[in-house]
Amino acid sequence: MNRLALLPLLAPLLALAACAAPQPEQSQAPSAFPLLAREAARIIPERRFATVDYLIVDKSERLMVAYAAGQPVRAWRGLQLGDAPQGHKRFEGDERTPEGRYVIEGRNPGSAYHLSLKVSYPNAEDRAYARAQGRSPGGDIFLHGQPNALPFGRVPGDWTDGCIALSNAEIEELWRIVPDGTVIEIRP
């Protein structure tokens, strides 16, 4: 039987396949997504989630996207970074926000800023690099809100010593949905 003769036989099967429920996509690690802004656009507001399991920060876009079970569920724009936002944090006092893969390793409700979530910087690689240069890698990198002394609003521009600052309402939301141990990937 030639291929053209098979076409009439396959047509009903193809029509049924087109009506079938779509197969779930294989879960892809969020770090494999090339364009974070495109991921942020995929967020479905009605998607239900209690906690997130992965955060990606894009410093150049000043964008953070939260993922639950491999799906983007929330995005925050207008992040505020260290005074020298370009480049990876190397040393204490360089005013840079780190780049790489870390975890949220704790929380500080008594922070000098409105709530704070501790990022596990420096990792072993960060410490080794600084040690080879005879310097300290620094530390105390957090996701946090605005200074407690600020009565309302936001400090303008980049002003942290390497942390990632959000509005007070945004850090309150993060505080609720980001458990300790959540991976945070910070991209240039």
N, C-alpha and C. Protein backbone atom coordinates (compact mmCIF):
# COMPACT_ATOMS: atom_id res chain seq x y z
N MET A 1 0.86 -1.17 0.00
CA MET A 1 0.00 0.00 0.00
C MET A 1 0.91 1.23 0.00
N ASN A 2 0.61 2.19 -0.87
CA ASN A 2 1.46 3.38 -0.89
C ASN A 2 1.02 4.37 0.19
N ARG A 3 1.89 5.35 0.44
CA ARG A 3 1.65 6.30 1.54
C ARG A 3 0.39 7.15 1.33
N LEU A 4 0.10 7.51 0.10
CA LEU A 4 -1.09 8.32 -0.17
C LEU A 4 -2.36 7.55 0.16
N ALA A 5 -2.32 6.25 -0.02
CA ALA A 5 -3.50 5.44 0.28
C ALA A 5 -3.76 5.38 1.78
N LEU A 6 -2.71 5.56 2.61
CA LEU A 6 -2.87 5.53 4.07
C LEU A 6 -3.51 6.80 4.61
N LEU A 7 -3.42 7.89 3.88
CA LEU A 7 -3.92 9.19 4.36
C LEU A 7 -5.38 9.15 4.78
N PRO A 8 -6.30 8.60 3.98
CA PRO A 8 -7.70 8.55 4.43
C PRO A 8 -7.90 7.72 5.70
N LEU A 9 -7.06 6.71 5.89
CA LEU A 9 -7.18 5.89 7.08
C LEU A 9 -6.66 6.62 8.32
N LEU A 10 -5.66 7.47 8.16
CA LEU A 10 -5.05 8.17 9.29
C LEU A 10 -5.79 9.44 9.69
N ALA A 11 -6.56 10.00 8.78
CA ALA A 11 -7.24 11.27 9.04
C ALA A 11 -8.11 11.23 10.30
N PRO A 12 -8.94 10.21 10.50
CA PRO A 12 -9.75 10.19 11.74
C PRO A 12 -8.90 10.10 13.00
N LEU A 13 -7.79 9.35 12.93
CA LEU A 13 -6.91 9.25 14.09
C LEU A 13 -6.26 10.59 14.40
N LEU A 14 -5.83 11.30 13.38
CA LEU A 14 -5.21 12.61 13.58
C LEU A 14 -6.22 13.59 14.17
N ALA A 15 -7.46 13.52 13.73
CA ALA A 15 -8.49 14.41 14.27
C ALA A 15 -8.73 14.11 15.75
N LEU A 16 -8.76 12.83 16.12
CA LEU A 16 -8.93 12.47 17.52
C LEU A 16 -7.75 12.93 18.36
N ALA A 17 -6.56 12.80 17.84
CA ALA A 17 -5.36 13.22 18.57
C ALA A 17 -5.36 14.72 18.81
N ALA A 18 -5.87 15.47 17.87
CA ALA A 18 -5.92 16.93 18.02
C ALA A 18 -6.89 17.34 19.12
N CYS A 19 -7.90 16.52 19.39
CA CYS A 19 -8.88 16.85 20.43
C CYS A 19 -8.47 16.36 21.80
N ALA A 20 -7.48 15.49 21.84
CA ALA A 20 -7.06 14.92 23.12
C ALA A 20 -6.45 16.00 24.01
N ALA A 21 -6.48 15.76 25.31
CA ALA A 21 -5.86 16.69 26.25
C ALA A 21 -4.36 16.73 26.00
N PRO A 22 -3.76 17.92 26.07
CA PRO A 22 -2.33 18.00 25.84
C PRO A 22 -1.56 17.23 26.91
N GLN A 23 -0.49 16.61 26.48
CA GLN A 23 0.37 15.90 27.40
C GLN A 23 1.14 16.90 28.23
N PRO A 24 1.35 16.63 29.52
CA PRO A 24 2.11 17.57 30.33
C PRO A 24 3.55 17.65 29.82
N GLU A 25 4.08 18.87 29.81
CA GLU A 25 5.44 19.06 29.36
C GLU A 25 6.40 18.48 30.40
N GLN A 26 7.53 18.01 29.91
CA GLN A 26 8.55 17.56 30.83
C GLN A 26 9.05 18.77 31.58
N SER A 27 9.15 18.67 32.88
CA SER A 27 9.61 19.78 33.69
C SER A 27 11.05 20.10 33.37
N GLN A 28 11.30 21.35 33.09
CA GLN A 28 12.64 21.82 32.77
C GLN A 28 13.12 22.67 33.93
N ALA A 29 14.37 22.50 34.31
CA ALA A 29 14.91 23.31 35.40
C ALA A 29 14.79 24.77 35.03
N PRO A 30 14.29 25.61 35.94
CA PRO A 30 14.13 27.02 35.61
C PRO A 30 15.42 27.67 35.11
N SER A 31 16.58 27.22 35.56
CA SER A 31 17.83 27.84 35.14
C SER A 31 18.10 27.62 33.66
N ALA A 32 17.38 26.69 33.02
CA ALA A 32 17.59 26.43 31.61
C ALA A 32 16.83 27.42 30.73
N PHE A 33 15.93 28.20 31.29
CA PHE A 33 15.16 29.14 30.49
C PHE A 33 16.06 30.29 30.05
N PRO A 34 16.11 30.58 28.76
CA PRO A 34 17.04 31.61 28.29
C PRO A 34 16.63 33.05 28.58
N LEU A 35 15.37 33.35 28.49
CA LEU A 35 14.93 34.74 28.66
C LEU A 35 13.93 34.84 29.79
N LEU A 36 14.36 35.43 30.87
CA LEU A 36 13.52 35.49 32.06
C LEU A 36 12.28 36.34 31.84
N ALA A 37 12.40 37.42 31.09
CA ALA A 37 11.23 38.28 30.85
C ALA A 37 10.12 37.50 30.15
N ARG A 38 10.50 36.61 29.26
CA ARG A 38 9.50 35.79 28.57
C ARG A 38 8.81 34.87 29.56
N GLU A 39 9.57 34.36 30.53
CA GLU A 39 8.99 33.51 31.57
C GLU A 39 8.02 34.31 32.43
N ALA A 40 8.39 35.53 32.76
CA ALA A 40 7.51 36.38 33.58
C ALA A 40 6.19 36.61 32.86
N ALA A 41 6.25 36.72 31.55
CA ALA A 41 5.03 36.95 30.78
C ALA A 41 4.12 35.72 30.78
N ARG A 42 4.66 34.54 31.08
CA ARG A 42 3.88 33.29 31.09
C ARG A 42 3.11 33.10 32.39
N ILE A 43 3.28 33.96 33.34
CA ILE A 43 2.63 33.76 34.63
C ILE A 43 1.12 33.85 34.49
N ILE A 44 0.45 32.87 35.04
CA ILE A 44 -1.01 32.83 35.03
C ILE A 44 -1.46 33.29 36.41
N PRO A 45 -2.11 34.46 36.50
CA PRO A 45 -2.46 35.01 37.81
C PRO A 45 -3.28 34.06 38.69
N GLU A 46 -4.10 33.23 38.08
CA GLU A 46 -4.97 32.35 38.86
C GLU A 46 -4.26 31.09 39.34
N ARG A 47 -3.02 30.86 38.88
CA ARG A 47 -2.31 29.64 39.27
C ARG A 47 -2.15 29.62 40.78
N ARG A 48 -2.54 28.53 41.39
CA ARG A 48 -2.50 28.40 42.84
C ARG A 48 -1.16 27.82 43.27
N PHE A 49 -0.59 28.39 44.33
CA PHE A 49 0.63 27.87 44.92
C PHE A 49 0.71 28.37 46.34
N ALA A 50 1.31 27.60 47.20
CA ALA A 50 1.47 28.01 48.60
C ALA A 50 2.87 28.53 48.85
N THR A 51 3.84 27.84 48.26
CA THR A 51 5.23 28.26 48.39
C THR A 51 5.91 28.11 47.05
N VAL A 52 7.06 28.74 46.93
CA VAL A 52 7.86 28.61 45.72
C VAL A 52 9.08 27.76 46.03
N ASP A 53 9.69 27.20 44.98
CA ASP A 53 10.85 26.35 45.20
C ASP A 53 12.08 26.81 44.42
N TYR A 54 11.97 27.92 43.69
CA TYR A 54 13.11 28.40 42.91
C TYR A 54 12.89 29.88 42.62
N LEU A 55 13.93 30.66 42.75
CA LEU A 55 13.89 32.08 42.40
C LEU A 55 15.00 32.36 41.39
N ILE A 56 14.69 33.13 40.38
CA ILE A 56 15.71 33.60 39.45
C ILE A 56 15.67 35.12 39.46
N VAL A 57 16.85 35.71 39.66
CA VAL A 57 17.01 37.16 39.63
C VAL A 57 17.81 37.49 38.39
N ASP A 58 17.33 38.41 37.59
CA ASP A 58 18.08 38.93 36.44
C ASP A 58 18.44 40.37 36.78
N LYS A 59 19.72 40.58 37.12
CA LYS A 59 20.16 41.91 37.56
C LYS A 59 19.99 42.95 36.46
N SER A 60 20.31 42.61 35.22
CA SER A 60 20.22 43.60 34.14
C SER A 60 18.78 44.01 33.87
N GLU A 61 17.84 43.08 34.07
CA GLU A 61 16.42 43.39 33.87
C GLU A 61 15.76 43.90 35.15
N ARG A 62 16.48 43.78 36.29
CA ARG A 62 15.93 44.14 37.59
C ARG A 62 14.61 43.42 37.82
N LEU A 63 14.68 42.12 37.59
CA LEU A 63 13.50 41.26 37.58
C LEU A 63 13.79 40.00 38.38
N MET A 64 12.83 39.59 39.20
CA MET A 64 12.90 38.31 39.90
C MET A 64 11.64 37.53 39.59
N VAL A 65 11.81 36.26 39.20
CA VAL A 65 10.68 35.39 38.92
C VAL A 65 10.73 34.21 39.89
N ALA A 66 9.60 33.91 40.49
CA ALA A 66 9.46 32.77 41.40
C ALA A 66 8.79 31.62 40.67
N TYR A 67 9.27 30.42 40.95
CA TYR A 67 8.76 29.21 40.33
C TYR A 67 8.22 28.27 41.40
N ALA A 68 7.16 27.56 41.04
CA ALA A 68 6.61 26.48 41.86
C ALA A 68 6.43 25.30 40.92
N ALA A 69 7.04 24.18 41.25
CA ALA A 69 6.96 22.97 40.42
C ALA A 69 7.36 23.25 38.97
N GLY A 70 8.37 24.08 38.77
CA GLY A 70 8.89 24.35 37.43
C GLY A 70 8.12 25.37 36.62
N GLN A 71 7.06 25.93 37.19
CA GLN A 71 6.24 26.91 36.47
C GLN A 71 6.40 28.29 37.10
N PRO A 72 6.53 29.34 36.28
CA PRO A 72 6.62 30.69 36.84
C PRO A 72 5.28 31.08 37.46
N VAL A 73 5.33 31.57 38.71
CA VAL A 73 4.09 31.90 39.41
C VAL A 73 4.00 33.35 39.86
N ARG A 74 5.11 34.04 39.90
CA ARG A 74 5.09 35.43 40.37
C ARG A 74 6.35 36.13 39.89
N ALA A 75 6.25 37.42 39.60
CA ALA A 75 7.40 38.21 39.18
C ALA A 75 7.39 39.55 39.91
N TRP A 76 8.59 40.06 40.19
CA TRP A 76 8.77 41.37 40.80
C TRP A 76 9.74 42.16 39.94
N ARG A 77 9.39 43.38 39.62
CA ARG A 77 10.23 44.23 38.78
C ARG A 77 10.73 45.42 39.60
N GLY A 78 11.76 46.06 39.08
CA GLY A 78 12.28 47.25 39.75
C GLY A 78 13.13 46.94 40.96
N LEU A 79 13.82 45.79 40.96
CA LEU A 79 14.68 45.44 42.08
C LEU A 79 15.77 46.49 42.24
N GLN A 80 16.17 46.72 43.47
CA GLN A 80 17.27 47.63 43.77
C GLN A 80 18.45 46.79 44.22
N LEU A 81 19.62 47.12 43.70
CA LEU A 81 20.81 46.30 43.91
C LEU A 81 21.88 47.09 44.65
N GLY A 82 23.09 46.52 44.68
CA GLY A 82 24.23 47.21 45.27
C GLY A 82 24.59 48.45 44.47
N ASP A 83 25.33 49.36 45.10
CA ASP A 83 25.73 50.61 44.44
C ASP A 83 26.50 50.39 43.14
N ALA A 84 27.19 49.26 43.00
CA ALA A 84 27.93 48.91 41.78
C ALA A 84 27.30 47.63 41.23
N PRO A 85 26.15 47.75 40.54
CA PRO A 85 25.36 46.56 40.22
C PRO A 85 25.96 45.62 39.18
N GLN A 86 26.87 46.08 38.34
CA GLN A 86 27.40 45.21 37.29
C GLN A 86 28.57 44.38 37.82
N GLY A 87 28.56 43.10 37.44
CA GLY A 87 29.63 42.20 37.85
C GLY A 87 29.29 41.44 39.12
N HIS A 88 30.01 40.35 39.30
CA HIS A 88 29.81 39.46 40.45
C HIS A 88 30.53 40.00 41.67
N LYS A 89 29.90 39.89 42.80
CA LYS A 89 30.53 40.28 44.06
C LYS A 89 31.76 39.43 44.29
N ARG A 90 32.89 40.08 44.55
CA ARG A 90 34.15 39.37 44.78
C ARG A 90 34.69 39.58 46.19
N PHE A 91 34.52 40.83 46.68
CA PHE A 91 35.18 41.19 47.94
C PHE A 91 34.24 42.02 48.81
N GLU A 92 34.50 41.96 50.09
CA GLU A 92 33.79 42.79 51.04
C GLU A 92 33.96 44.26 50.65
N GLY A 93 32.86 44.99 50.64
CA GLY A 93 32.91 46.42 50.36
C GLY A 93 32.91 46.79 48.89
N ASP A 94 32.79 45.82 47.97
CA ASP A 94 32.81 46.18 46.54
C ASP A 94 31.46 46.67 46.02
N GLU A 95 30.44 46.66 46.89
CA GLU A 95 29.10 47.19 46.57
C GLU A 95 28.39 46.43 45.45
N ARG A 96 28.83 45.22 45.15
CA ARG A 96 28.21 44.44 44.08
C ARG A 96 27.26 43.40 44.66
N THR A 97 26.26 43.06 43.86
CA THR A 97 25.33 41.99 44.19
C THR A 97 25.88 40.71 43.57
N PRO A 98 25.98 39.62 44.34
CA PRO A 98 26.57 38.40 43.79
C PRO A 98 25.81 37.83 42.61
N GLU A 99 26.48 36.99 41.86
CA GLU A 99 25.88 36.25 40.75
C GLU A 99 26.21 34.78 40.96
N GLY A 100 25.27 33.93 40.67
CA GLY A 100 25.47 32.50 40.83
C GLY A 100 24.28 31.84 41.49
N ARG A 101 24.50 30.62 41.92
CA ARG A 101 23.42 29.82 42.51
C ARG A 101 23.66 29.71 44.01
N TYR A 102 22.67 30.13 44.77
CA TYR A 102 22.75 30.13 46.22
C TYR A 102 21.42 29.58 46.76
N VAL A 103 21.24 29.61 48.07
CA VAL A 103 19.96 29.22 48.67
C VAL A 103 19.58 30.26 49.71
N ILE A 104 18.30 30.32 50.00
CA ILE A 104 17.81 31.15 51.10
C ILE A 104 18.08 30.33 52.36
N GLU A 105 18.95 30.85 53.22
CA GLU A 105 19.38 30.05 54.37
C GLU A 105 18.86 30.54 55.71
N GLY A 106 18.01 31.53 55.70
CA GLY A 106 17.44 31.99 56.97
C GLY A 106 16.68 33.27 56.78
N ARG A 107 16.07 33.72 57.87
CA ARG A 107 15.25 34.95 57.83
C ARG A 107 15.49 35.76 59.09
N ASN A 108 15.36 37.06 58.95
CA ASN A 108 15.60 37.95 60.08
C ASN A 108 14.44 38.91 60.21
N PRO A 109 13.50 38.64 61.13
CA PRO A 109 12.37 39.55 61.30
C PRO A 109 12.78 40.84 62.01
N GLY A 110 13.96 40.87 62.68
CA GLY A 110 14.42 42.05 63.39
C GLY A 110 15.47 42.83 62.62
N SER A 111 15.46 42.70 61.32
CA SER A 111 16.44 43.36 60.46
C SER A 111 16.33 44.89 60.54
N ALA A 112 17.41 45.58 60.17
CA ALA A 112 17.38 47.05 60.06
C ALA A 112 16.55 47.48 58.86
N TYR A 113 16.20 46.52 58.02
CA TYR A 113 15.34 46.75 56.86
C TYR A 113 14.06 45.96 57.10
N HIS A 114 13.00 46.33 56.41
CA HIS A 114 11.71 45.67 56.63
C HIS A 114 11.81 44.20 56.20
N LEU A 115 12.05 43.32 57.15
CA LEU A 115 12.22 41.88 56.94
C LEU A 115 13.41 41.59 56.03
N SER A 116 14.04 40.43 56.22
CA SER A 116 15.13 40.05 55.32
C SER A 116 15.28 38.55 55.27
N LEU A 117 15.58 38.07 54.05
CA LEU A 117 15.85 36.66 53.78
C LEU A 117 17.31 36.53 53.41
N LYS A 118 18.07 35.72 54.15
CA LYS A 118 19.52 35.60 53.94
C LYS A 118 19.84 34.71 52.75
N VAL A 119 20.73 35.22 51.89
CA VAL A 119 21.25 34.48 50.73
C VAL A 119 22.57 33.84 51.17
N SER A 120 22.84 32.63 50.75
CA SER A 120 24.00 31.87 51.22
C SER A 120 25.35 32.31 50.66
N TYR A 121 25.45 33.53 50.13
CA TYR A 121 26.75 34.07 49.72
C TYR A 121 27.58 34.34 50.97
N PRO A 122 28.86 34.02 50.98
CA PRO A 122 29.68 33.44 49.92
C PRO A 122 29.64 31.91 49.95
N ASN A 123 29.73 31.31 48.76
CA ASN A 123 29.85 29.85 48.70
C ASN A 123 31.34 29.50 48.70
N ALA A 124 31.66 28.23 48.59
CA ALA A 124 33.06 27.79 48.65
C ALA A 124 33.90 28.44 47.55
N GLU A 125 33.35 28.55 46.36
CA GLU A 125 34.08 29.16 45.24
C GLU A 125 34.35 30.64 45.51
N ASP A 126 33.37 31.34 46.04
CA ASP A 126 33.54 32.76 46.37
C ASP A 126 34.63 32.94 47.42
N ARG A 127 34.62 32.09 48.45
CA ARG A 127 35.64 32.18 49.51
C ARG A 127 37.03 31.87 48.97
N ALA A 128 37.14 30.85 48.11
CA ALA A 128 38.44 30.47 47.56
C ALA A 128 39.02 31.59 46.70
N TYR A 129 38.18 32.22 45.88
CA TYR A 129 38.66 33.31 45.03
C TYR A 129 39.17 34.47 45.88
N ALA A 130 38.40 34.87 46.87
CA ALA A 130 38.81 35.99 47.73
C ALA A 130 40.08 35.64 48.50
N ARG A 131 40.15 34.42 49.02
CA ARG A 131 41.33 33.99 49.76
C ARG A 131 42.59 34.04 48.88
N ALA A 132 42.46 33.62 47.62
CA ALA A 132 43.60 33.64 46.69
C ALA A 132 44.07 35.07 46.42
N GLN A 133 43.19 36.03 46.60
CA GLN A 133 43.54 37.44 46.41
C GLN A 133 43.92 38.12 47.72
N GLY A 134 43.90 37.34 48.80
CA GLY A 134 44.23 37.90 50.11
C GLY A 134 43.18 38.84 50.65
N ARG A 135 41.92 38.61 50.26
CA ARG A 135 40.82 39.49 50.66
C ARG A 135 39.70 38.70 51.29
N SER A 136 38.75 39.40 51.87
CA SER A 136 37.54 38.81 52.42
C SER A 136 36.45 38.86 51.34
N PRO A 137 35.67 37.79 51.20
CA PRO A 137 34.59 37.83 50.20
C PRO A 137 33.40 38.67 50.66
N GLY A 138 33.36 39.02 51.93
CA GLY A 138 32.18 39.72 52.46
C GLY A 138 31.10 38.71 52.77
N GLY A 139 29.93 39.19 53.02
CA GLY A 139 28.80 38.32 53.36
C GLY A 139 27.60 39.17 53.68
N ASP A 140 26.69 38.62 54.45
CA ASP A 140 25.47 39.33 54.83
C ASP A 140 24.72 39.87 53.61
N ILE A 141 24.48 39.00 52.65
CA ILE A 141 23.68 39.36 51.48
C ILE A 141 22.25 38.87 51.73
N PHE A 142 21.30 39.78 51.56
CA PHE A 142 19.90 39.49 51.86
C PHE A 142 18.98 39.99 50.75
N LEU A 143 17.80 39.40 50.69
CA LEU A 143 16.65 40.00 50.03
C LEU A 143 15.96 40.75 51.16
N HIS A 144 15.71 42.03 50.99
CA HIS A 144 15.07 42.77 52.09
C HIS A 144 14.23 43.92 51.58
N GLY A 145 13.47 44.48 52.50
CA GLY A 145 12.64 45.64 52.20
C GLY A 145 13.42 46.93 52.36
N GLN A 146 12.71 48.00 52.55
CA GLN A 146 13.31 49.33 52.68
C GLN A 146 13.78 49.56 54.13
N PRO A 147 14.65 50.55 54.34
CA PRO A 147 15.13 50.81 55.70
C PRO A 147 13.97 51.08 56.65
N ASN A 148 14.08 50.53 57.86
CA ASN A 148 13.03 50.74 58.86
C ASN A 148 12.83 52.21 59.19
N ALA A 149 13.89 53.01 59.08
CA ALA A 149 13.80 54.44 59.39
C ALA A 149 13.02 55.21 58.33
N LEU A 150 12.81 54.62 57.18
CA LEU A 150 12.07 55.28 56.10
C LEU A 150 10.58 55.18 56.41
N PRO A 151 9.89 56.30 56.57
CA PRO A 151 8.48 56.23 56.98
C PRO A 151 7.58 55.58 55.93
N PHE A 152 7.86 55.77 54.65
CA PHE A 152 7.06 55.16 53.59
C PHE A 152 7.82 55.31 52.28
N GLY A 153 7.37 54.60 51.24
CA GLY A 153 7.99 54.71 49.92
C GLY A 153 9.25 53.88 49.79
N ARG A 154 10.08 54.30 48.83
CA ARG A 154 11.31 53.59 48.52
C ARG A 154 12.48 54.54 48.43
N VAL A 155 13.64 54.07 48.85
CA VAL A 155 14.87 54.81 48.61
C VAL A 155 15.09 54.76 47.10
N PRO A 156 15.41 55.87 46.45
CA PRO A 156 15.59 55.84 44.99
C PRO A 156 16.92 55.19 44.59
N GLY A 157 16.93 54.58 43.40
CA GLY A 157 18.15 54.04 42.79
C GLY A 157 18.70 52.81 43.50
N ASP A 158 19.94 52.47 43.13
CA ASP A 158 20.66 51.36 43.76
C ASP A 158 21.34 51.90 45.00
N TRP A 159 21.14 51.25 46.12
CA TRP A 159 21.64 51.82 47.37
C TRP A 159 22.16 50.79 48.35
N THR A 160 22.01 49.50 48.05
CA THR A 160 22.43 48.51 49.04
C THR A 160 23.94 48.26 48.94
N ASP A 161 24.45 47.49 49.86
CA ASP A 161 25.87 47.11 49.83
C ASP A 161 26.07 45.80 49.08
N GLY A 162 25.08 45.37 48.33
CA GLY A 162 25.15 44.13 47.57
C GLY A 162 23.89 43.29 47.70
N CYS A 163 22.98 43.73 48.54
CA CYS A 163 21.72 43.01 48.74
C CYS A 163 20.76 43.31 47.58
N ILE A 164 19.61 42.66 47.62
CA ILE A 164 18.53 42.90 46.67
C ILE A 164 17.37 43.46 47.46
N ALA A 165 17.02 44.72 47.18
CA ALA A 165 15.95 45.39 47.92
C ALA A 165 14.67 45.43 47.10
N LEU A 166 13.57 45.29 47.81
CA LEU A 166 12.23 45.36 47.23
C LEU A 166 11.41 46.31 48.07
N SER A 167 10.18 46.55 47.66
CA SER A 167 9.29 47.35 48.50
C SER A 167 8.93 46.52 49.73
N ASN A 168 8.42 47.17 50.76
CA ASN A 168 8.03 46.47 51.97
C ASN A 168 6.91 45.46 51.71
N ALA A 169 5.96 45.82 50.86
CA ALA A 169 4.87 44.90 50.54
C ALA A 169 5.41 43.67 49.80
N GLU A 170 6.38 43.88 48.91
CA GLU A 170 6.95 42.76 48.16
C GLU A 170 7.73 41.82 49.07
N ILE A 171 8.52 42.35 49.99
CA ILE A 171 9.28 41.46 50.88
C ILE A 171 8.34 40.72 51.83
N GLU A 172 7.22 41.34 52.20
CA GLU A 172 6.24 40.63 53.03
C GLU A 172 5.68 39.42 52.28
N GLU A 173 5.41 39.60 50.98
CA GLU A 173 4.93 38.48 50.18
C GLU A 173 6.00 37.39 50.07
N LEU A 174 7.23 37.78 49.79
CA LEU A 174 8.33 36.81 49.71
C LEU A 174 8.49 36.06 51.03
N TRP A 175 8.41 36.78 52.12
CA TRP A 175 8.53 36.19 53.45
C TRP A 175 7.55 35.04 53.63
N ARG A 176 6.33 35.21 53.10
CA ARG A 176 5.28 34.20 53.24
C ARG A 176 5.49 33.00 52.31
N ILE A 177 6.00 33.21 51.10
CA ILE A 177 6.00 32.13 50.10
C ILE A 177 7.36 31.49 49.84
N VAL A 178 8.44 32.05 50.40
CA VAL A 178 9.78 31.51 50.16
C VAL A 178 10.29 30.82 51.42
N PRO A 179 10.29 29.48 51.43
CA PRO A 179 10.80 28.78 52.60
C PRO A 179 12.33 28.76 52.62
N ASP A 180 12.90 28.58 53.80
CA ASP A 180 14.34 28.39 53.89
C ASP A 180 14.72 27.18 53.03
N GLY A 181 15.87 27.26 52.38
CA GLY A 181 16.33 26.19 51.50
C GLY A 181 15.97 26.40 50.04
N THR A 182 15.16 27.43 49.75
CA THR A 182 14.80 27.73 48.37
C THR A 182 16.03 28.16 47.59
N VAL A 183 16.20 27.60 46.39
CA VAL A 183 17.33 27.97 45.55
C VAL A 183 17.05 29.34 44.94
N ILE A 184 18.10 30.19 44.93
CA ILE A 184 18.04 31.49 44.27
C ILE A 184 19.21 31.58 43.31
N GLU A 185 18.88 31.78 42.05
CA GLU A 185 19.89 31.91 41.01
C GLU A 185 19.93 33.39 40.60
N ILE A 186 21.09 33.99 40.73
CA ILE A 186 21.24 35.41 40.41
C ILE A 186 22.08 35.52 39.14
N ARG A 187 21.46 36.07 38.11
CA ARG A 187 22.10 36.18 36.80
C ARG A 187 22.55 37.62 36.54
N PRO A 188 23.58 37.76 35.70
CA PRO A 188 24.05 39.13 35.36
C PRO A 188 22.95 39.90 34.70
